[in-house]
Amino acid sequence: MEEDRKARINRLKWHCRRSLLELDLVFDRFWERHEDDLDAEGEAALERLLELQDHDLWALVIGREVTDDHQLMGMIARLQEV
């Protein structure tokens, strides 16, 4: 079971590699703080955010754009705190 989680986390980390340096820095800090406490809901929210284009994701992270999706709002708040 732990190996499954580790594989999912590694896959998410790989998808967090972005072409925008600012996002890379945010995700690096996010993983430093939250790798051990990321639950299944957080993983799902992060997967959904990672489907966005870099500029759209960055706009959410810096607050230029907002979403009314509560699942995404929680993950965006965690990204903003780093």
C-alpha atoms as a PDB file:
ATOM      1  CA  MET A   1       0.000   0.000   0.000  1.00  0.00           C
ATOM      2  CA  GLU A   2       2.802   2.413   0.881  1.00  0.00           C
ATOM      3  CA  GLU A   3       4.503   1.606  -2.421  1.00  0.00           C
ATOM      4  CA  ASP A   4       1.325   2.561  -4.290  1.00  0.00           C
ATOM      5  CA  ARG A   5       1.221   5.901  -2.507  1.00  0.00           C
ATOM      6  CA  LYS A   6       4.905   6.467  -3.193  1.00  0.00           C
ATOM      7  CA  ALA A   7       4.372   5.724  -6.903  1.00  0.00           C
ATOM      8  CA  ARG A   8       1.412   8.149  -7.051  1.00  0.00           C
ATOM      9  CA  ILE A   9       3.406  10.867  -5.306  1.00  0.00           C
ATOM     10  CA  ASN A  10       6.364  10.365  -7.646  1.00  0.00           C
ATOM     11  CA  ARG A  11       4.043  10.585 -10.651  1.00  0.00           C
ATOM     12  CA  LEU A  12       2.515  13.799  -9.301  1.00  0.00           C
ATOM     13  CA  LYS A  13       5.953  15.253  -8.655  1.00  0.00           C
ATOM     14  CA  TRP A  14       6.926  14.499 -12.233  1.00  0.00           C
ATOM     15  CA  HIS A  15       3.816  16.287 -13.528  1.00  0.00           C
ATOM     16  CA  CYS A  16       4.615  19.267 -11.307  1.00  0.00           C
ATOM     17  CA  ARG A  17       7.653  19.987 -13.440  1.00  0.00           C
ATOM     18  CA  ARG A  18       6.516  22.990 -15.411  1.00  0.00           C
ATOM     19  CA  SER A  19       7.969  25.275 -18.038  1.00  0.00           C
ATOM     20  CA  LEU A  20       7.306  28.318 -15.837  1.00  0.00           C
ATOM     21  CA  LEU A  21      10.104  28.758 -13.289  1.00  0.00           C
ATOM     22  CA  GLU A  22       7.722  30.404 -10.835  1.00  0.00           C
ATOM     23  CA  LEU A  23       5.515  27.313 -10.767  1.00  0.00           C
ATOM     24  CA  ASP A  24       8.520  25.037 -10.360  1.00  0.00           C
ATOM     25  CA  LEU A  25       9.546  27.030  -7.293  1.00  0.00           C
ATOM     26  CA  VAL A  26       6.048  26.921  -5.819  1.00  0.00           C
ATOM     27  CA  PHE A  27       5.809  23.175  -6.359  1.00  0.00           C
ATOM     28  CA  ASP A  28       9.278  22.553  -4.916  1.00  0.00           C
ATOM     29  CA  ARG A  29       8.257  24.352  -1.725  1.00  0.00           C
ATOM     30  CA  PHE A  30       4.877  22.633  -1.706  1.00  0.00           C
ATOM     31  CA  TRP A  31       6.475  19.184  -1.786  1.00  0.00           C
ATOM     32  CA  GLU A  32       8.932  20.126   0.951  1.00  0.00           C
ATOM     33  CA  ARG A  33       6.042  21.076   3.247  1.00  0.00           C
ATOM     34  CA  HIS A  34       3.231  18.751   2.231  1.00  0.00           C
ATOM     35  CA  GLU A  35       4.568  15.508   0.800  1.00  0.00           C
ATOM     36  CA  ASP A  36       3.867  13.576   4.004  1.00  0.00           C
ATOM     37  CA  ASP A  37       0.401  15.009   4.655  1.00  0.00           C
ATOM     38  CA  LEU A  38      -1.070  14.926   1.143  1.00  0.00           C
ATOM     39  CA  ASP A  39      -4.209  12.803   1.259  1.00  0.00           C
ATOM     40  CA  ALA A  40      -6.240  11.243  -1.563  1.00  0.00           C
ATOM     41  CA  GLU A  41      -8.438  14.334  -1.883  1.00  0.00           C
ATOM     42  CA  GLY A  42      -5.371  16.543  -2.141  1.00  0.00           C
ATOM     43  CA  GLU A  43      -3.871  14.243  -4.751  1.00  0.00           C
ATOM     44  CA  ALA A  44      -7.060  14.443  -6.805  1.00  0.00           C
ATOM     45  CA  ALA A  45      -7.165  18.237  -6.575  1.00  0.00           C
ATOM     46  CA  LEU A  46      -3.512  18.497  -7.551  1.00  0.00           C
ATOM     47  CA  GLU A  47      -4.058  16.200 -10.536  1.00  0.00           C
ATOM     48  CA  ARG A  48      -6.891  18.413 -11.719  1.00  0.00           C
ATOM     49  CA  LEU A  49      -4.799  21.564 -11.348  1.00  0.00           C
ATOM     50  CA  LEU A  50      -1.930  19.980 -13.241  1.00  0.00           C
ATOM     51  CA  GLU A  51      -4.229  19.509 -16.238  1.00  0.00           C
ATOM     52  CA  LEU A  52      -4.279  23.297 -16.649  1.00  0.00           C
ATOM     53  CA  GLN A  53      -1.905  25.198 -18.868  1.00  0.00           C
ATOM     54  CA  ASP A  54       0.946  26.857 -16.983  1.00  0.00           C
ATOM     55  CA  HIS A  55      -0.330  30.411 -17.387  1.00  0.00           C
ATOM     56  CA  ASP A  56      -3.837  29.458 -16.250  1.00  0.00           C
ATOM     57  CA  LEU A  57      -2.448  27.625 -13.236  1.00  0.00           C
ATOM     58  CA  TRP A  58      -0.152  30.532 -12.384  1.00  0.00           C
ATOM     59  CA  ALA A  59      -3.082  32.957 -12.573  1.00  0.00           C
ATOM     60  CA  LEU A  60      -4.902  30.863  -9.958  1.00  0.00           C
ATOM     61  CA  VAL A  61      -1.847  30.551  -7.718  1.00  0.00           C
ATOM     62  CA  ILE A  62      -1.171  34.292  -7.645  1.00  0.00           C
ATOM     63  CA  GLY A  63      -4.860  35.140  -7.246  1.00  0.00           C
ATOM     64  CA  ARG A  64      -5.328  36.897 -10.569  1.00  0.00           C
ATOM     65  CA  GLU A  65      -8.028  34.327 -11.369  1.00  0.00           C
ATOM     66  CA  VAL A  66     -10.336  32.524  -8.950  1.00  0.00           C
ATOM     67  CA  THR A  67     -12.327  29.330  -9.056  1.00  0.00           C
ATOM     68  CA  ASP A  68     -15.560  28.388  -7.350  1.00  0.00           C
ATOM     69  CA  ASP A  69     -14.528  24.729  -7.174  1.00  0.00           C
ATOM     70  CA  HIS A  70     -14.071  24.032  -3.455  1.00  0.00           C
ATOM     71  CA  GLN A  71     -11.744  21.080  -4.008  1.00  0.00           C
ATOM     72  CA  LEU A  72      -9.428  23.211  -6.127  1.00  0.00           C
ATOM     73  CA  MET A  73      -9.713  26.194  -3.780  1.00  0.00           C
ATOM     74  CA  GLY A  74      -8.209  24.154  -0.957  1.00  0.00           C
ATOM     75  CA  MET A  75      -5.233  23.052  -3.017  1.00  0.00           C
ATOM     76  CA  ILE A  76      -4.705  26.550  -4.430  1.00  0.00           C
ATOM     77  CA  ALA A  77      -4.638  27.904  -0.876  1.00  0.00           C
ATOM     78  CA  ARG A  78      -1.964  25.356   0.038  1.00  0.00           C
ATOM     79  CA  LEU A  79       0.086  26.390  -2.996  1.00  0.00           C
ATOM     80  CA  GLN A  80      -0.308  30.052  -2.117  1.00  0.00           C
ATOM     81  CA  GLU A  81       0.925  29.554   1.438  1.00  0.00           C
ATOM     82  CA  VAL A  82       4.330  28.399   0.246  1.00  0.00           C
END
